[in-house]
Amino acid sequence: MFRLNEPLRLLRKQPYWPVVTHSRLRRILPGFALSYLGDGMALVATPVLALQLASGDNRGLWAALAVAANSLPGAIGGFVFGRFLKGKRGAQLSGWDATLRATCLAMIPIAYLLGVLNVVLFVALLAVSSLLHAWGSGGRYTIISEVLPEEQHLAANGLIATLGQFGTIVGPVIAGMLAGSIGPVYIVAIDAVTFAVLAATYRWADSPDGAVRPAAVKGDRVDGFKIIRGNPALLGILCLTFCFYFFFGPVYAALPVRVSDDLHGSADQLGLFYSAFGIGAFVGAILTGYLRRWSGWPLILVVVVGFGTAMLPLGLHVPLYVALCSFAVAGVIWAPYTPAVMALFQRSASSTVLPQALAAYGAVTLMASPISTALGGPLVFLLGAQGTLLFSATGVLAIGVAALAFVALRRTAPEPADGSNADRPATVAESSQ
């Protein structure tokens, strides 16, 4: 006989239940979802508004600069602001990031209404708005580390990734429908409102008494890099992620040419590729919470090797539908990577130094994709679109296999004579010396 409480009992067994019912996190998660939706809308509004504001032959350059301004300054902020932001709680850091983002984005429609908005001011405001991005992201995962036990970190990180993928899929669709009626500048205004709501939820949910109080940490602005250098696991994941993102970057330059020239597809079909990847990543993010037994290095390495393998058909002579399906599978495999990496950081560094470590990680990895995307153009010229995609896939696969072999060799190596463990997490004191 069916019992009325059976669905609730099944829900409570799901890995995401402790996350969505947590007294602090349930206050912040709606703000996450809203801001990710706003960012998804900005993916469309930002280049369109830049094209409207610019003139002449440099319109495309200004559009690219506007897109880059949404992320690259975050790498600068990760390097520069360490001495000022170390020792702060996760909610403080993320709240300041959301407040800066909301303020700068709100100034764009205000400047437009005052008649003073031009493309230079637009790009400058976008750049300033993203200066604390690495710290805000680090603060977000620090909150998870502060309030949840270690075994729930992967599920919480996976839920954040799921909300992000949902915004990336739905946000551009909403922006596309609104762009013709209200214009891109007011879509930016909506994005500003979403970040204002997020900043308010951080302030509402910030409970110093319920969180781990960060201890004062001595050191200079590069504390985060000292923490990573002092922990072989974190240093290894930083190097692996930089290489992973670096080899994937040329895909952004090569895929449009591959679809158009080699596969004889249209712009709509190129959109299908990105939609397939996004939907696959959304599914993969949902599945991430169920991979707890694989968390840590096993999951990270499986993702890198699997992603490189799934990308191979795009660089081979295959029909359009095969390439499309392989890109969707690559999206599914890609999704657990960041949650697994964040779980490794959360396990390897205490919450007193986790924001610095994550900001340093973000500052380095934020630079990988833009640099390699810029190199994608020359690679397409030298290797062709198909050759560039094959280069990217084999590059990712090669670093995954190399990392897998390295980890396997370290685990089979004999223990040091003094019994020390080189892979143990660095303590706060050790990381600050």
Protein backbone atom coordinates (compact mmCIF):
# COMPACT_ATOMS: atom_id res chain seq x y z
CA MET A 1 0.00 0.00 0.00
CA PHE A 2 1.31 3.41 -0.98
CA ARG A 3 2.12 5.63 1.96
CA LEU A 4 1.71 9.41 1.70
CA ASN A 5 5.08 10.07 3.33
CA GLU A 6 6.97 7.81 0.91
CA PRO A 7 7.93 10.61 -1.56
CA LEU A 8 9.25 12.71 1.32
CA ARG A 9 11.25 9.78 2.64
CA LEU A 10 12.79 9.28 -0.80
CA LEU A 11 13.62 12.99 -1.05
CA ARG A 12 15.41 12.91 2.27
CA LYS A 13 17.66 10.16 0.95
CA GLN A 14 18.82 12.30 -1.99
CA PRO A 15 22.31 13.85 -1.68
CA TYR A 16 20.95 17.36 -2.24
CA TRP A 17 18.41 17.26 0.60
CA PRO A 18 20.82 18.35 3.40
CA VAL A 19 21.95 21.24 1.18
CA VAL A 20 18.56 22.69 0.22
CA THR A 21 17.20 22.31 3.75
CA HIS A 22 20.18 23.83 5.56
CA SER A 23 19.13 26.88 7.59
CA ARG A 24 21.72 29.22 6.01
CA LEU A 25 22.07 27.77 2.51
CA ARG A 26 18.35 27.77 1.78
CA ARG A 27 18.44 31.56 2.19
CA ILE A 28 21.26 31.97 -0.33
CA LEU A 29 20.34 29.42 -3.02
CA PRO A 30 17.48 31.50 -4.52
CA GLY A 31 19.93 34.39 -4.87
CA PHE A 32 22.40 32.08 -6.60
CA ALA A 33 19.74 30.95 -9.07
CA LEU A 34 18.62 34.50 -9.82
CA SER A 35 22.14 35.88 -10.35
CA TYR A 36 23.11 32.95 -12.58
CA LEU A 37 19.99 33.65 -14.64
CA GLY A 38 21.01 37.30 -14.91
CA ASP A 39 24.50 36.30 -16.01
CA GLY A 40 22.98 34.02 -18.63
CA MET A 41 20.98 36.96 -19.98
CA ALA A 42 24.14 39.08 -19.99
CA LEU A 43 25.81 36.57 -22.32
CA VAL A 44 23.54 37.95 -25.03
CA ALA A 45 23.13 41.54 -23.85
CA THR A 46 26.83 42.37 -23.35
CA PRO A 47 28.15 41.88 -26.92
CA VAL A 48 24.94 43.23 -28.47
CA LEU A 49 25.12 46.45 -26.44
CA ALA A 50 28.82 46.83 -27.25
CA LEU A 51 28.03 46.53 -30.96
CA GLN A 52 25.32 49.18 -30.62
CA LEU A 53 27.60 51.60 -28.81
CA ALA A 54 30.67 51.10 -31.02
CA SER A 55 31.06 52.32 -34.54
CA GLY A 56 33.25 51.68 -37.56
CA ASP A 57 35.44 48.69 -38.22
CA ASN A 58 36.29 48.15 -34.54
CA ARG A 59 32.80 47.05 -33.49
CA GLY A 60 33.81 43.39 -33.31
CA LEU A 61 36.87 44.22 -31.24
CA TRP A 62 34.78 46.19 -28.73
CA ALA A 63 32.32 43.31 -28.46
CA ALA A 64 35.18 40.93 -27.67
CA LEU A 65 36.61 43.37 -25.11
CA ALA A 66 33.21 43.67 -23.43
CA VAL A 67 32.94 39.88 -23.08
CA ALA A 68 36.51 39.66 -21.76
CA ALA A 69 35.83 42.47 -19.27
CA ASN A 70 33.27 40.25 -17.57
CA SER A 71 35.96 37.81 -16.42
CA LEU A 72 39.62 38.76 -16.95
CA PRO A 73 39.77 41.60 -14.38
CA GLY A 74 38.81 38.98 -11.80
CA ALA A 75 42.26 37.45 -12.29
CA ILE A 76 43.83 40.83 -11.50
CA GLY A 77 41.68 41.14 -8.39
CA GLY A 78 42.75 37.69 -7.28
CA PHE A 79 46.40 38.81 -7.37
CA VAL A 80 46.01 42.35 -6.01
CA PHE A 81 43.47 42.30 -3.19
CA GLY A 82 44.85 39.45 -1.08
CA ARG A 83 46.33 41.65 1.65
CA PHE A 84 43.00 43.44 2.10
CA LEU A 85 40.59 40.49 1.96
CA LYS A 86 42.42 37.71 3.79
CA GLY A 87 40.76 36.50 6.97
CA LYS A 88 37.22 37.44 5.86
CA ARG A 89 34.23 35.10 6.05
CA GLY A 90 32.93 33.50 2.88
CA ALA A 91 29.63 35.39 2.96
CA GLN A 92 31.46 38.70 3.38
CA LEU A 93 33.63 38.12 0.32
CA SER A 94 30.77 36.93 -1.86
CA GLY A 95 28.54 39.74 -0.61
CA TRP A 96 31.11 42.39 -1.49
CA ASP A 97 31.56 40.85 -4.93
CA ALA A 98 27.78 40.86 -5.54
CA THR A 99 27.48 44.45 -4.28
CA LEU A 100 30.26 45.71 -6.56
CA ARG A 101 28.75 43.83 -9.48
CA ALA A 102 25.26 45.23 -8.84
CA THR A 103 26.54 48.80 -8.42
CA CYS A 104 28.64 48.86 -11.59
CA LEU A 105 25.99 47.17 -13.70
CA ALA A 106 23.33 49.60 -12.42
CA MET A 107 25.52 52.52 -13.52
CA ILE A 108 25.31 51.34 -17.15
CA PRO A 109 21.55 51.98 -17.67
CA ILE A 110 21.82 55.15 -15.54
CA ALA A 111 24.58 56.47 -17.81
CA TYR A 112 22.48 55.47 -20.82
CA LEU A 113 19.46 57.45 -19.54
CA LEU A 114 21.71 60.46 -18.87
CA GLY A 115 23.05 60.25 -22.41
CA VAL A 116 26.69 59.76 -21.40
CA LEU A 117 27.12 56.05 -22.05
CA ASN A 118 29.71 55.18 -24.67
CA VAL A 119 31.52 51.95 -25.44
CA VAL A 120 34.64 52.90 -23.46
CA LEU A 121 32.63 53.64 -20.31
CA PHE A 122 30.60 50.47 -20.84
CA VAL A 123 33.68 48.22 -21.00
CA ALA A 124 35.28 50.06 -18.07
CA LEU A 125 32.23 49.52 -15.85
CA LEU A 126 32.12 45.84 -16.80
CA ALA A 127 35.81 45.50 -15.93
CA VAL A 128 35.41 47.12 -12.52
CA SER A 129 32.33 45.00 -11.79
CA SER A 130 34.32 41.78 -12.13
CA LEU A 131 37.39 42.75 -10.07
CA LEU A 132 36.26 40.70 -7.06
CA HIS A 133 35.04 37.72 -9.11
CA ALA A 134 37.77 35.33 -7.92
CA TRP A 135 37.14 36.30 -4.29
CA GLY A 136 33.37 36.06 -4.64
CA SER A 137 33.65 32.59 -6.13
CA GLY A 138 36.08 31.56 -3.40
CA GLY A 139 33.74 32.94 -0.75
CA ARG A 140 30.84 30.96 -2.18
CA TYR A 141 32.64 27.65 -1.76
CA THR A 142 34.02 28.74 1.61
CA ILE A 143 30.44 29.07 2.86
CA ILE A 144 29.91 25.43 1.90
CA SER A 145 33.05 24.46 3.81
CA GLU A 146 31.97 26.48 6.85
CA VAL A 147 28.48 25.06 7.26
CA LEU A 148 28.47 21.50 5.84
CA PRO A 149 30.44 18.36 6.73
CA GLU A 150 33.00 17.13 4.22
CA GLU A 151 30.84 14.30 2.86
CA GLN A 152 28.22 16.83 1.69
CA HIS A 153 30.62 19.20 -0.09
CA LEU A 154 30.46 17.53 -3.51
CA ALA A 155 26.65 17.57 -3.54
CA ALA A 156 26.58 21.25 -2.51
CA ASN A 157 29.15 22.16 -5.15
CA GLY A 158 27.18 20.16 -7.70
CA LEU A 159 24.00 22.05 -6.82
CA ILE A 160 25.78 25.37 -7.40
CA ALA A 161 26.97 24.05 -10.77
CA THR A 162 23.42 22.94 -11.61
CA LEU A 163 22.05 26.42 -10.92
CA GLY A 164 24.83 27.91 -13.02
CA GLN A 165 24.13 25.63 -15.98
CA PHE A 166 20.41 26.32 -15.72
CA GLY A 167 21.10 30.05 -15.96
CA THR A 168 23.39 29.53 -18.93
CA ILE A 169 20.69 27.61 -20.80
CA VAL A 170 17.60 29.65 -19.90
CA GLY A 171 19.14 33.13 -19.53
CA PRO A 172 20.17 33.61 -23.20
CA VAL A 173 16.71 32.46 -24.33
CA ILE A 174 15.00 35.06 -22.13
CA ALA A 175 17.47 37.73 -23.25
CA GLY A 176 16.84 36.88 -26.88
CA MET A 177 13.11 37.36 -26.38
CA LEU A 178 13.56 40.65 -24.49
CA ALA A 179 16.33 42.21 -26.60
CA GLY A 180 14.00 43.26 -29.38
CA SER A 181 11.37 44.77 -27.07
CA ILE A 182 13.28 46.49 -24.26
CA GLY A 183 16.83 46.59 -25.64
CA PRO A 184 20.11 45.16 -24.26
CA VAL A 185 20.79 48.05 -21.88
CA TYR A 186 17.71 47.19 -19.81
CA ILE A 187 18.70 43.53 -19.79
CA VAL A 188 21.91 44.71 -18.11
CA ALA A 189 19.68 46.57 -15.62
CA ILE A 190 17.86 43.30 -14.87
CA ASP A 191 21.23 41.63 -14.32
CA ALA A 192 22.10 44.40 -11.84
CA VAL A 193 18.89 43.73 -9.92
CA THR A 194 19.68 40.01 -9.68
CA PHE A 195 23.05 40.79 -8.11
CA ALA A 196 21.48 43.29 -5.73
CA VAL A 197 19.14 40.52 -4.57
CA LEU A 198 22.12 38.16 -4.19
CA ALA A 199 24.01 40.73 -2.13
CA ALA A 200 20.96 41.13 0.13
CA THR A 201 20.65 37.36 0.62
CA TYR A 202 24.33 37.13 1.59
CA ARG A 203 23.80 39.82 4.21
CA TRP A 204 20.67 38.09 5.46
CA ALA A 205 22.34 34.70 5.63
CA ASP A 206 25.67 35.87 7.02
CA SER A 207 25.81 34.55 10.56
CA PRO A 208 29.23 35.06 12.15
CA ASP A 209 28.18 33.06 15.21
CA GLY A 210 27.17 30.09 13.06
CA ALA A 211 30.23 30.09 10.87
CA VAL A 212 33.84 29.34 11.50
CA ARG A 213 35.55 32.57 12.53
CA PRO A 214 38.62 33.05 10.36
CA ALA A 215 41.75 33.49 12.40
CA ALA A 216 44.15 36.28 11.62
CA VAL A 217 46.60 34.96 9.06
CA LYS A 218 50.00 36.53 8.75
CA GLY A 219 51.57 37.05 5.39
CA ASP A 220 51.38 39.21 2.34
CA ARG A 221 49.05 39.34 -0.59
CA VAL A 222 50.32 36.08 -2.09
CA ASP A 223 49.19 33.98 0.87
CA GLY A 224 46.91 31.99 -1.45
CA PHE A 225 49.79 30.94 -3.66
CA LYS A 226 51.87 29.97 -0.61
CA ILE A 227 49.01 27.77 0.55
CA ILE A 228 48.81 26.06 -2.85
CA ARG A 229 52.59 25.66 -3.14
CA GLY A 230 52.68 24.08 0.31
CA ASN A 231 50.18 21.38 -0.65
CA PRO A 232 51.16 18.99 -3.49
CA ALA A 233 47.52 18.06 -4.19
CA LEU A 234 46.44 21.69 -4.62
CA LEU A 235 49.49 22.57 -6.70
CA GLY A 236 48.81 19.58 -8.91
CA ILE A 237 45.16 20.50 -9.43
CA LEU A 238 46.10 24.09 -10.28
CA CYS A 239 48.52 22.93 -12.97
CA LEU A 240 46.06 20.36 -14.30
CA THR A 241 43.20 22.86 -14.49
CA PHE A 242 45.31 25.47 -16.25
CA CYS A 243 46.36 22.91 -18.89
CA PHE A 244 42.79 21.56 -19.17
CA TYR A 245 41.31 25.00 -19.82
CA PHE A 246 44.22 25.99 -22.04
CA PHE A 247 43.71 23.07 -24.42
CA PHE A 248 39.94 23.62 -24.48
CA GLY A 249 40.18 27.33 -25.33
CA PRO A 250 40.83 26.93 -29.10
CA VAL A 251 37.50 25.10 -29.42
CA TYR A 252 35.71 28.47 -29.21
CA ALA A 253 37.58 29.66 -32.31
CA ALA A 254 37.58 26.39 -34.24
CA LEU A 255 34.04 25.07 -33.71
CA PRO A 256 32.21 27.81 -35.69
CA VAL A 257 34.54 27.26 -38.65
CA ARG A 258 34.23 23.48 -38.38
CA VAL A 259 30.42 23.60 -38.39
CA SER A 260 30.21 26.16 -41.19
CA ASP A 261 32.97 25.09 -43.60
CA ASP A 262 33.63 21.40 -42.91
CA LEU A 263 30.22 20.11 -41.79
CA HIS A 264 28.31 22.57 -44.02
CA GLY A 265 26.08 23.60 -41.16
CA SER A 266 24.30 26.89 -40.51
CA ALA A 267 24.42 29.38 -37.67
CA ASP A 268 21.37 27.66 -36.20
CA GLN A 269 23.26 24.38 -36.15
CA LEU A 270 26.17 26.05 -34.38
CA GLY A 271 23.65 27.17 -31.78
CA LEU A 272 22.55 23.54 -31.49
CA PHE A 273 26.10 22.55 -30.62
CA TYR A 274 26.27 25.04 -27.75
CA SER A 275 22.77 24.10 -26.61
CA ALA A 276 23.67 20.41 -26.67
CA PHE A 277 26.77 21.06 -24.60
CA GLY A 278 24.80 23.22 -22.14
CA ILE A 279 22.03 20.66 -21.72
CA GLY A 280 24.60 17.90 -21.28
CA ALA A 281 26.41 19.97 -18.65
CA PHE A 282 23.12 20.60 -16.85
CA VAL A 283 22.45 16.86 -16.71
CA GLY A 284 26.02 16.20 -15.59
CA ALA A 285 25.73 18.83 -12.84
CA ILE A 286 22.59 17.13 -11.50
CA LEU A 287 24.38 13.78 -11.47
CA THR A 288 27.41 15.20 -9.65
CA GLY A 289 25.86 14.85 -6.21
CA TYR A 290 25.55 11.10 -6.72
CA LEU A 291 29.30 10.66 -7.38
CA ARG A 292 30.47 11.00 -3.78
CA ARG A 293 32.30 7.68 -3.86
CA TRP A 294 34.37 9.01 -6.77
CA SER A 295 35.08 12.40 -5.24
CA GLY A 296 38.61 13.79 -5.24
CA TRP A 297 41.33 12.82 -7.67
CA PRO A 298 39.58 9.74 -9.12
CA LEU A 299 36.61 11.82 -10.31
CA ILE A 300 38.81 14.69 -11.52
CA LEU A 301 41.01 12.41 -13.61
CA VAL A 302 38.05 10.48 -15.04
CA VAL A 303 36.51 13.78 -16.14
CA VAL A 304 39.66 14.99 -17.92
CA VAL A 305 40.31 11.70 -19.71
CA GLY A 306 36.63 11.21 -20.53
CA PHE A 307 36.24 14.77 -21.81
CA GLY A 308 39.23 14.47 -24.13
CA THR A 309 37.88 11.17 -25.45
CA ALA A 310 34.39 12.60 -26.02
CA MET A 311 35.85 15.56 -27.94
CA LEU A 312 37.82 13.39 -30.37
CA PRO A 313 34.98 12.91 -32.92
CA LEU A 314 34.84 16.68 -33.49
CA GLY A 315 38.34 16.48 -34.94
CA LEU A 316 37.64 13.42 -37.09
CA HIS A 317 35.71 12.84 -40.32
CA VAL A 318 32.28 12.16 -38.84
CA PRO A 319 28.72 13.20 -39.78
CA LEU A 320 27.19 16.29 -38.21
CA TYR A 321 24.90 14.34 -35.86
CA VAL A 322 27.81 12.29 -34.50
CA ALA A 323 29.80 15.44 -33.74
CA LEU A 324 26.72 16.97 -32.11
CA CYS A 325 26.13 13.93 -29.88
CA SER A 326 29.78 13.76 -28.87
CA PHE A 327 29.71 17.43 -27.84
CA ALA A 328 26.63 16.77 -25.70
CA VAL A 329 28.39 13.82 -24.02
CA ALA A 330 31.41 16.06 -23.44
CA GLY A 331 29.10 18.48 -21.63
CA VAL A 332 27.85 15.72 -19.32
CA ILE A 333 31.41 14.70 -18.50
CA TRP A 334 32.61 18.29 -18.06
CA ALA A 335 30.06 19.26 -15.41
CA PRO A 336 31.49 17.46 -12.33
CA TYR A 337 34.98 18.92 -12.80
CA THR A 338 34.64 22.21 -10.92
CA PRO A 339 32.56 20.71 -8.05
CA ALA A 340 35.16 17.97 -7.61
CA VAL A 341 38.04 20.46 -7.66
CA MET A 342 36.28 22.69 -5.13
CA ALA A 343 35.66 19.65 -2.89
CA LEU A 344 39.39 18.88 -3.04
CA PHE A 345 40.20 22.44 -1.96
CA GLN A 346 37.56 22.32 0.79
CA ARG A 347 39.07 19.12 2.13
CA SER A 348 42.71 20.25 1.84
CA ALA A 349 42.53 23.77 3.31
CA SER A 350 40.76 24.99 6.43
CA SER A 351 38.11 27.69 6.10
CA THR A 352 40.54 30.22 7.59
CA VAL A 353 42.70 30.16 4.46
CA LEU A 354 40.33 28.65 1.89
CA PRO A 355 39.25 32.01 0.37
CA GLN A 356 42.89 32.98 -0.28
CA ALA A 357 43.64 29.60 -1.85
CA LEU A 358 40.53 29.68 -4.05
CA ALA A 359 41.17 33.30 -5.09
CA ALA A 360 44.71 32.36 -6.14
CA TYR A 361 43.36 29.34 -8.01
CA GLY A 362 40.75 31.49 -9.74
CA ALA A 363 43.27 34.20 -10.65
CA VAL A 364 45.42 31.67 -12.52
CA THR A 365 42.68 29.61 -14.16
CA LEU A 366 40.71 32.67 -15.29
CA MET A 367 43.60 33.50 -17.61
CA ALA A 368 43.87 30.09 -19.25
CA SER A 369 40.83 30.09 -21.56
CA PRO A 370 41.15 33.70 -22.87
CA ILE A 371 44.82 33.19 -23.69
CA SER A 372 44.24 29.91 -25.50
CA THR A 373 41.10 31.23 -27.23
CA ALA A 374 43.22 34.06 -28.64
CA LEU A 375 45.67 31.44 -29.91
CA GLY A 376 42.80 29.57 -31.54
CA GLY A 377 42.75 31.89 -34.55
CA PRO A 378 46.36 31.21 -35.58
CA LEU A 379 45.86 27.50 -34.89
CA VAL A 380 42.84 27.39 -37.19
CA PHE A 381 44.94 29.11 -39.87
CA LEU A 382 47.79 26.63 -39.47
CA LEU A 383 45.93 23.37 -38.77
CA GLY A 384 42.44 24.06 -40.07
CA ALA A 385 39.32 23.89 -37.90
CA GLN A 386 39.24 20.10 -37.83
CA GLY A 387 42.94 19.87 -37.01
CA THR A 388 42.57 22.44 -34.22
CA LEU A 389 39.72 20.50 -32.63
CA LEU A 390 41.76 17.30 -32.85
CA PHE A 391 44.70 19.14 -31.28
CA SER A 392 42.49 20.31 -28.40
CA ALA A 393 40.98 16.88 -27.80
CA THR A 394 44.28 15.01 -27.89
CA GLY A 395 45.88 17.69 -25.70
CA VAL A 396 43.22 17.27 -23.02
CA LEU A 397 43.42 13.50 -23.30
CA ALA A 398 47.23 13.56 -23.05
CA ILE A 399 47.33 15.68 -19.89
CA GLY A 400 44.61 13.49 -18.35
CA VAL A 401 46.56 10.30 -19.05
CA ALA A 402 49.79 11.91 -17.81
CA ALA A 403 48.11 13.06 -14.59
CA LEU A 404 46.56 9.62 -14.11
CA ALA A 405 49.96 7.97 -14.50
CA PHE A 406 51.59 10.46 -12.13
CA VAL A 407 48.99 9.92 -9.40
CA ALA A 408 49.25 6.14 -9.83
CA LEU A 409 53.04 6.26 -9.49
CA ARG A 410 52.85 8.42 -6.35
CA ARG A 411 50.40 6.04 -4.73
CA THR A 412 52.59 3.02 -5.45
CA ALA A 413 55.78 4.76 -4.28
CA PRO A 414 57.13 3.64 -0.87
CA GLU A 415 56.48 5.83 2.17
CA PRO A 416 59.35 8.13 3.25
CA ALA A 417 61.69 6.66 5.81
CA ASP A 418 60.58 9.13 8.47
CA GLY A 419 56.92 8.18 7.95
CA SER A 420 55.88 11.62 6.83
CA ASN A 421 53.10 12.06 4.33
CA ALA A 422 53.82 14.55 1.56
CA ASP A 423 50.18 14.69 0.48
CA ARG A 424 48.63 15.64 3.80
CA PRO A 425 46.76 18.98 3.81
CA ALA A 426 48.81 22.00 4.82
CA THR A 427 47.84 23.56 8.12
CA VAL A 428 47.12 27.26 8.53
CA ALA A 429 50.42 27.84 10.26
CA GLU A 430 52.42 25.95 7.65
CA SER A 431 50.66 27.67 4.77
CA SER A 432 51.39 31.10 6.18
CA GLN A 433 55.09 30.66 6.76
